[in-house]
Amino acid sequence: MKKKLFKNVINSLFIFALFGFIVTSCDTEDPIYEGQSITLTESAYSQAEIDDISEGVNDIIENVYFDIESQAVYKNEASKSTPLLKFIPECVTITKVITANSKNVTIDFGDGCTMHNGNIMSGKIVMDITYNIGELKAMTNSSFDNFYFNGKKVEGNISKTHTIVDGIPEANIKTDIKIIWEDETFATVIGERKRVWIESFKNLDFGDNVFLISGNWTITKNDGTVRDVSIIDPLRREMSCRFIVSGILKIKQGDKEITVDYGDGECDDLATALIYGKTFEFHIGQKYPKKVF
């Protein structure tokens, strides 16, 4: 009797162990839960969120800058008063201090202001505009005063050099910012981008404009993790959409690489990541399911 009972126990333990091995084996085949790829999958989620914040801030700076410049051009033509600021809701207050060679602009979102594309911002962006008349360039340097983008705090500076190349406006951007999440984790973003305004820049209606973005930058997390990011197919930013609609970037983390693809032009919050030869789809701004960034 004891031998039979002992044999049944051994058989049960063997079946349980075998079942556990099968489950574990299946889990490791999924790139979301496979050892090293947990960190890489998390990188795709957080990278898409960082891009959403960076380009959302760039949208505001670009919009206000071009509105101010177009006001200067058309100040004597009442029939051509610029409609650019319709992209900016009434809950935003913009103040200007103008000198002979510069302009200081404060963009105040108050305690919370919902933009027309659904992003919620609070605090202030302070922008200084200077000019190099000889080289036909304008420079903007933007800093942040208790500024939040969809609940994430943004600190640091974004500087831009605005030029016209073959009749098309473009901005060379240097970014040195820190993004702080609600749980006090953070990431610094340091690098350069080029933003080329490719569509509808002559009609002064910011809502239908399109930008192509190239560049590279380095992200450093609060735990010391470093990621090098480069755009390998220009990101397409349409002002009628809240999200980047297409383009591909590559993320290098140590000796590992992943790519993030923003799609084929559809206005949605979906992106795909390629990790260890496997592709999965995720929502921009959604928290990583296993770990918080």
Protein backbone atom coordinates (compact mmCIF):
# COMPACT_ATOMS: atom_id res chain seq x y z
CA MET A 1 0.00 0.00 0.00
CA LYS A 2 2.79 2.39 0.94
CA LYS A 3 4.70 1.49 -2.23
CA LYS A 4 1.62 2.20 -4.37
CA LEU A 5 1.03 5.52 -2.63
CA PHE A 6 4.68 6.47 -3.05
CA LYS A 7 4.55 5.57 -6.75
CA ASN A 8 1.42 7.73 -7.25
CA VAL A 9 3.11 10.69 -5.57
CA ILE A 10 6.22 10.31 -7.76
CA ASN A 11 4.04 10.11 -10.90
CA SER A 12 2.13 13.22 -9.86
CA LEU A 13 5.32 15.17 -9.22
CA PHE A 14 6.72 14.07 -12.58
CA ILE A 15 3.56 15.19 -14.42
CA PHE A 16 3.57 18.52 -12.55
CA ALA A 17 7.25 19.10 -13.37
CA LEU A 18 6.66 18.20 -17.02
CA PHE A 19 3.69 20.58 -17.21
CA GLY A 20 5.80 23.35 -15.66
CA PHE A 21 8.58 22.74 -18.19
CA ILE A 22 6.10 22.94 -21.09
CA VAL A 23 4.58 26.18 -19.80
CA THR A 24 8.02 27.71 -19.24
CA SER A 25 9.16 26.63 -22.69
CA CYS A 26 6.11 28.23 -24.29
CA ASP A 27 6.61 31.46 -22.36
CA THR A 28 10.21 31.84 -23.46
CA GLU A 29 9.11 31.67 -27.09
CA ASP A 30 7.08 34.86 -26.62
CA PRO A 31 9.32 37.93 -27.12
CA ILE A 32 7.38 39.87 -24.48
CA TYR A 33 8.36 37.44 -21.71
CA GLU A 34 11.66 36.04 -22.90
CA GLY A 35 14.51 36.88 -20.49
CA GLN A 36 16.55 39.63 -22.13
CA SER A 37 13.70 40.74 -24.37
CA ILE A 38 11.65 41.93 -21.38
CA THR A 39 13.94 44.97 -21.23
CA LEU A 40 13.93 45.35 -25.02
CA THR A 41 10.14 45.16 -25.25
CA GLU A 42 9.91 47.74 -22.51
CA SER A 43 12.27 49.91 -24.59
CA ALA A 44 9.82 49.90 -27.51
CA TYR A 45 6.93 51.04 -25.29
CA SER A 46 8.90 53.82 -23.60
CA GLN A 47 10.55 54.96 -26.86
CA ALA A 48 7.17 55.46 -28.51
CA GLU A 49 6.01 57.47 -25.49
CA ILE A 50 9.17 59.61 -25.54
CA ASP A 51 8.70 60.31 -29.26
CA ASP A 52 5.08 61.27 -28.62
CA ILE A 53 6.13 63.76 -25.92
CA SER A 54 9.11 65.17 -27.86
CA GLU A 55 7.15 65.77 -31.05
CA GLY A 56 4.12 67.09 -29.17
CA VAL A 57 6.32 69.73 -27.56
CA ASN A 58 7.99 70.49 -30.91
CA ASP A 59 4.54 70.99 -32.47
CA ILE A 60 3.71 73.72 -29.94
CA ILE A 61 7.07 75.49 -30.27
CA GLU A 62 6.93 75.37 -34.09
CA ASN A 63 3.36 76.59 -34.20
CA VAL A 64 3.90 79.55 -31.89
CA TYR A 65 7.18 80.51 -33.58
CA PHE A 66 5.68 80.59 -37.08
CA ASP A 67 2.60 82.41 -35.84
CA ILE A 68 4.75 85.16 -34.34
CA GLU A 69 6.85 85.43 -37.50
CA SER A 70 3.83 85.52 -39.78
CA GLN A 71 2.26 88.24 -37.62
CA ALA A 72 5.40 90.30 -38.18
CA VAL A 73 5.17 89.77 -41.95
CA TYR A 74 1.47 90.55 -42.21
CA LYS A 75 1.17 93.20 -39.48
CA ASN A 76 0.20 95.86 -42.00
CA GLU A 77 -2.30 93.70 -43.87
CA ALA A 78 -5.45 93.21 -41.84
CA SER A 79 -6.88 90.84 -44.45
CA LYS A 80 -4.01 88.43 -43.85
CA SER A 81 -4.08 88.17 -40.07
CA THR A 82 -2.67 84.75 -39.34
CA PRO A 83 -5.02 81.88 -38.43
CA LEU A 84 -2.17 79.70 -37.13
CA LEU A 85 -3.16 80.02 -33.51
CA LYS A 86 -6.41 78.15 -34.08
CA PHE A 87 -4.21 75.12 -33.40
CA ILE A 88 -3.74 76.57 -29.90
CA PRO A 89 -6.91 76.47 -27.72
CA GLU A 90 -8.19 79.50 -25.80
CA CYS A 91 -6.99 78.04 -22.49
CA VAL A 92 -3.41 78.87 -23.54
CA THR A 93 -2.10 82.37 -22.82
CA ILE A 94 0.75 83.70 -24.98
CA THR A 95 2.68 86.81 -23.94
CA LYS A 96 5.55 88.49 -25.84
CA VAL A 97 8.31 90.91 -24.92
CA ILE A 98 9.92 92.32 -28.08
CA THR A 99 13.28 94.10 -28.36
CA ALA A 100 15.26 95.25 -31.40
CA ASN A 101 16.96 91.87 -31.97
CA SER A 102 14.99 89.36 -29.99
CA LYS A 103 11.60 88.23 -28.72
CA ASN A 104 10.78 86.53 -25.43
CA VAL A 105 7.60 84.45 -25.54
CA THR A 106 5.82 82.70 -22.67
CA ILE A 107 3.32 79.97 -23.54
CA ASP A 108 1.19 79.43 -20.43
CA PHE A 109 -1.07 76.35 -20.20
CA GLY A 110 -2.24 77.19 -16.69
CA ASP A 111 -3.19 74.35 -14.35
CA GLY A 112 -4.28 72.17 -17.24
CA CYS A 113 -5.24 72.75 -20.86
CA THR A 114 -6.49 70.18 -23.38
CA MET A 115 -5.10 70.72 -26.85
CA HIS A 116 -7.21 70.18 -29.96
CA ASN A 117 -5.44 66.85 -30.57
CA GLY A 118 -6.29 65.59 -27.06
CA ASN A 119 -2.94 66.10 -25.33
CA ILE A 120 -3.21 67.70 -21.89
CA MET A 121 -0.56 70.22 -20.87
CA SER A 122 0.08 72.43 -17.85
CA GLY A 123 2.76 74.87 -16.76
CA LYS A 124 4.79 77.06 -19.13
CA ILE A 125 7.14 76.89 -22.09
CA VAL A 126 9.44 79.95 -22.24
CA MET A 127 10.88 80.65 -25.69
CA ASP A 128 13.62 83.13 -26.63
CA ILE A 129 13.85 84.06 -30.34
CA THR A 130 16.99 85.68 -31.78
CA TYR A 131 17.99 86.43 -35.38
CA ASN A 132 21.01 86.16 -37.62
CA ILE A 133 19.97 88.52 -40.40
CA GLY A 134 23.17 88.02 -42.41
CA GLU A 135 22.61 84.26 -42.69
CA LEU A 136 18.80 84.51 -42.84
CA LYS A 137 18.41 82.34 -39.75
CA ALA A 138 16.30 82.53 -36.64
CA MET A 139 17.14 80.69 -33.43
CA THR A 140 14.73 79.63 -30.71
CA ASN A 141 15.69 78.37 -27.28
CA SER A 142 12.85 76.89 -25.25
CA SER A 143 12.89 75.98 -21.55
CA PHE A 144 10.21 74.64 -19.23
CA ASP A 145 8.63 76.05 -16.10
CA ASN A 146 6.77 73.35 -14.13
CA PHE A 147 5.60 71.96 -17.47
CA TYR A 148 3.67 68.67 -17.77
CA PHE A 149 2.72 66.73 -20.90
CA ASN A 150 -0.06 64.19 -20.27
CA GLY A 151 1.04 63.93 -16.65
CA LYS A 152 4.79 63.60 -17.36
CA LYS A 153 7.03 66.44 -16.26
CA VAL A 154 9.45 67.87 -18.84
CA GLU A 155 12.61 69.76 -17.88
CA GLY A 156 15.62 71.05 -19.84
CA ASN A 157 16.03 72.85 -23.15
CA ILE A 158 15.15 72.51 -26.82
CA SER A 159 17.05 74.81 -29.18
CA LYS A 160 16.23 75.21 -32.89
CA THR A 161 17.84 76.90 -35.86
CA HIS A 162 15.16 77.84 -38.40
CA THR A 163 16.12 78.24 -42.06
CA ILE A 164 14.52 78.15 -45.51
CA VAL A 165 16.11 75.64 -47.90
CA ASP A 166 14.90 75.72 -51.53
CA GLY A 167 11.78 77.52 -50.36
CA ILE A 168 10.95 74.93 -47.68
CA PRO A 169 11.17 75.72 -43.93
CA GLU A 170 13.26 73.39 -41.83
CA ALA A 171 14.53 73.36 -38.27
CA ASN A 172 17.71 71.79 -36.92
CA ILE A 173 16.92 70.83 -33.34
CA LYS A 174 19.17 70.15 -30.36
CA THR A 175 17.36 68.43 -27.52
CA ASP A 176 18.55 68.14 -23.92
CA ILE A 177 15.52 67.27 -21.83
CA LYS A 178 14.50 65.12 -18.88
CA ILE A 179 11.13 63.37 -18.81
CA ILE A 180 9.84 62.40 -15.36
CA TRP A 181 7.03 59.85 -15.03
CA GLU A 182 4.34 59.87 -12.34
CA ASP A 183 6.21 57.21 -10.33
CA GLU A 184 9.35 59.47 -10.33
CA THR A 185 11.30 57.27 -12.75
CA PHE A 186 12.90 59.38 -15.47
CA ALA A 187 14.88 59.43 -18.70
CA THR A 188 17.16 62.05 -20.22
CA VAL A 189 17.03 62.62 -23.98
CA ILE A 190 20.07 64.24 -25.63
CA GLY A 191 20.55 64.49 -29.39
CA GLU A 192 19.73 66.17 -32.67
CA ARG A 193 16.83 66.10 -35.11
CA LYS A 194 15.94 67.80 -38.36
CA ARG A 195 12.30 68.74 -38.90
CA VAL A 196 11.38 69.57 -42.52
CA TRP A 197 8.00 71.17 -43.19
CA ILE A 198 7.01 69.35 -46.40
CA GLU A 199 3.31 70.16 -46.92
CA SER A 200 0.92 73.13 -46.71
CA PHE A 201 3.34 75.60 -45.09
CA LYS A 202 2.20 78.43 -47.37
CA ASN A 203 -1.46 78.50 -46.36
CA LEU A 204 -0.84 79.52 -42.70
CA ASP A 205 -3.20 76.78 -41.51
CA PHE A 206 -1.10 74.75 -39.09
CA GLY A 207 -3.71 72.01 -38.76
CA ASP A 208 -3.04 70.48 -42.19
CA ASN A 209 0.75 70.70 -42.19
CA VAL A 210 3.11 67.74 -42.44
CA PHE A 211 6.70 67.36 -41.18
CA LEU A 212 9.38 64.76 -41.88
CA ILE A 213 11.79 64.12 -39.01
CA SER A 214 15.29 62.60 -39.09
CA GLY A 215 18.07 62.41 -36.52
CA ASN A 216 19.56 60.46 -33.63
CA TRP A 217 19.76 60.78 -29.86
CA THR A 218 20.72 58.98 -26.65
CA ILE A 219 18.32 58.06 -23.86
CA THR A 220 19.60 57.38 -20.34
CA LYS A 221 17.22 55.89 -17.78
CA ASN A 222 17.34 56.56 -14.06
CA ASP A 223 18.79 53.06 -13.49
CA GLY A 224 21.73 53.81 -15.81
CA THR A 225 20.44 51.94 -18.87
CA VAL A 226 21.59 53.68 -22.07
CA ARG A 227 19.86 53.46 -25.44
CA ASP A 228 21.10 54.91 -28.73
CA VAL A 229 18.27 55.75 -31.10
CA SER A 230 18.49 56.59 -34.82
CA ILE A 231 15.77 57.23 -37.38
CA ILE A 232 16.31 54.94 -40.38
CA ASP A 233 13.14 55.95 -42.27
CA PRO A 234 11.93 59.55 -41.61
CA LEU A 235 9.12 59.92 -39.10
CA ARG A 236 6.03 61.55 -40.61
CA ARG A 237 4.22 63.97 -38.34
CA GLU A 238 0.81 65.20 -39.55
CA MET A 239 -0.70 68.01 -37.52
CA SER A 240 -4.20 66.63 -38.07
CA CYS A 241 -3.18 63.53 -36.06
CA ARG A 242 -2.09 63.22 -32.45
CA PHE A 243 0.46 60.50 -33.23
CA ILE A 244 3.40 59.93 -35.56
CA VAL A 245 1.82 58.13 -38.54
CA SER A 246 4.80 56.44 -40.22
CA GLY A 247 8.57 55.99 -40.12
CA ILE A 248 11.03 53.55 -38.58
CA LEU A 249 13.67 53.96 -35.90
CA LYS A 250 16.32 51.67 -34.52
CA ILE A 251 17.17 51.30 -30.83
CA LYS A 252 20.54 49.91 -29.71
CA GLN A 253 20.86 48.78 -26.11
CA GLY A 254 24.24 47.20 -25.48
CA ASP A 255 24.73 44.57 -28.17
CA LYS A 256 20.98 44.20 -28.78
CA GLU A 257 18.93 45.99 -31.44
CA ILE A 258 15.22 46.48 -31.98
CA THR A 259 13.23 48.50 -34.51
CA VAL A 260 10.01 50.42 -33.97
CA ASP A 261 7.72 50.98 -36.97
CA TYR A 262 5.01 53.65 -36.74
CA GLY A 263 2.96 52.27 -39.61
CA ASP A 264 1.93 53.15 -43.15
CA GLY A 265 0.29 56.54 -42.65
CA GLU A 266 -2.89 55.69 -40.75
CA CYS A 267 -3.78 58.06 -37.91
CA ASP A 268 -3.83 55.68 -34.95
CA ASP A 269 -1.94 54.95 -31.73
CA LEU A 270 -0.49 51.67 -33.01
CA ALA A 271 3.17 50.83 -33.59
CA THR A 272 5.06 47.57 -34.08
CA ALA A 273 8.39 46.41 -32.69
CA LEU A 274 10.76 43.81 -34.14
CA ILE A 275 12.64 41.90 -31.41
CA TYR A 276 14.66 38.71 -31.93
CA GLY A 277 13.06 38.32 -35.37
CA LYS A 278 9.53 38.50 -33.98
CA THR A 279 7.08 41.35 -34.51
CA PHE A 280 4.41 42.49 -32.08
CA GLU A 281 1.98 45.40 -32.07
CA PHE A 282 1.43 47.81 -29.17
CA HIS A 283 -0.35 51.07 -28.34
CA ILE A 284 1.65 54.32 -28.07
CA GLY A 285 1.49 55.68 -24.53
CA GLN A 286 0.31 52.37 -23.05
CA LYS A 287 2.29 51.13 -20.07
CA TYR A 288 4.52 48.12 -20.61
CA PRO A 289 2.51 45.13 -19.34
CA LYS A 290 5.19 43.49 -17.17
CA LYS A 291 7.21 46.41 -15.77
CA VAL A 292 6.73 50.15 -15.48
CA PHE A 293 9.37 52.23 -17.32
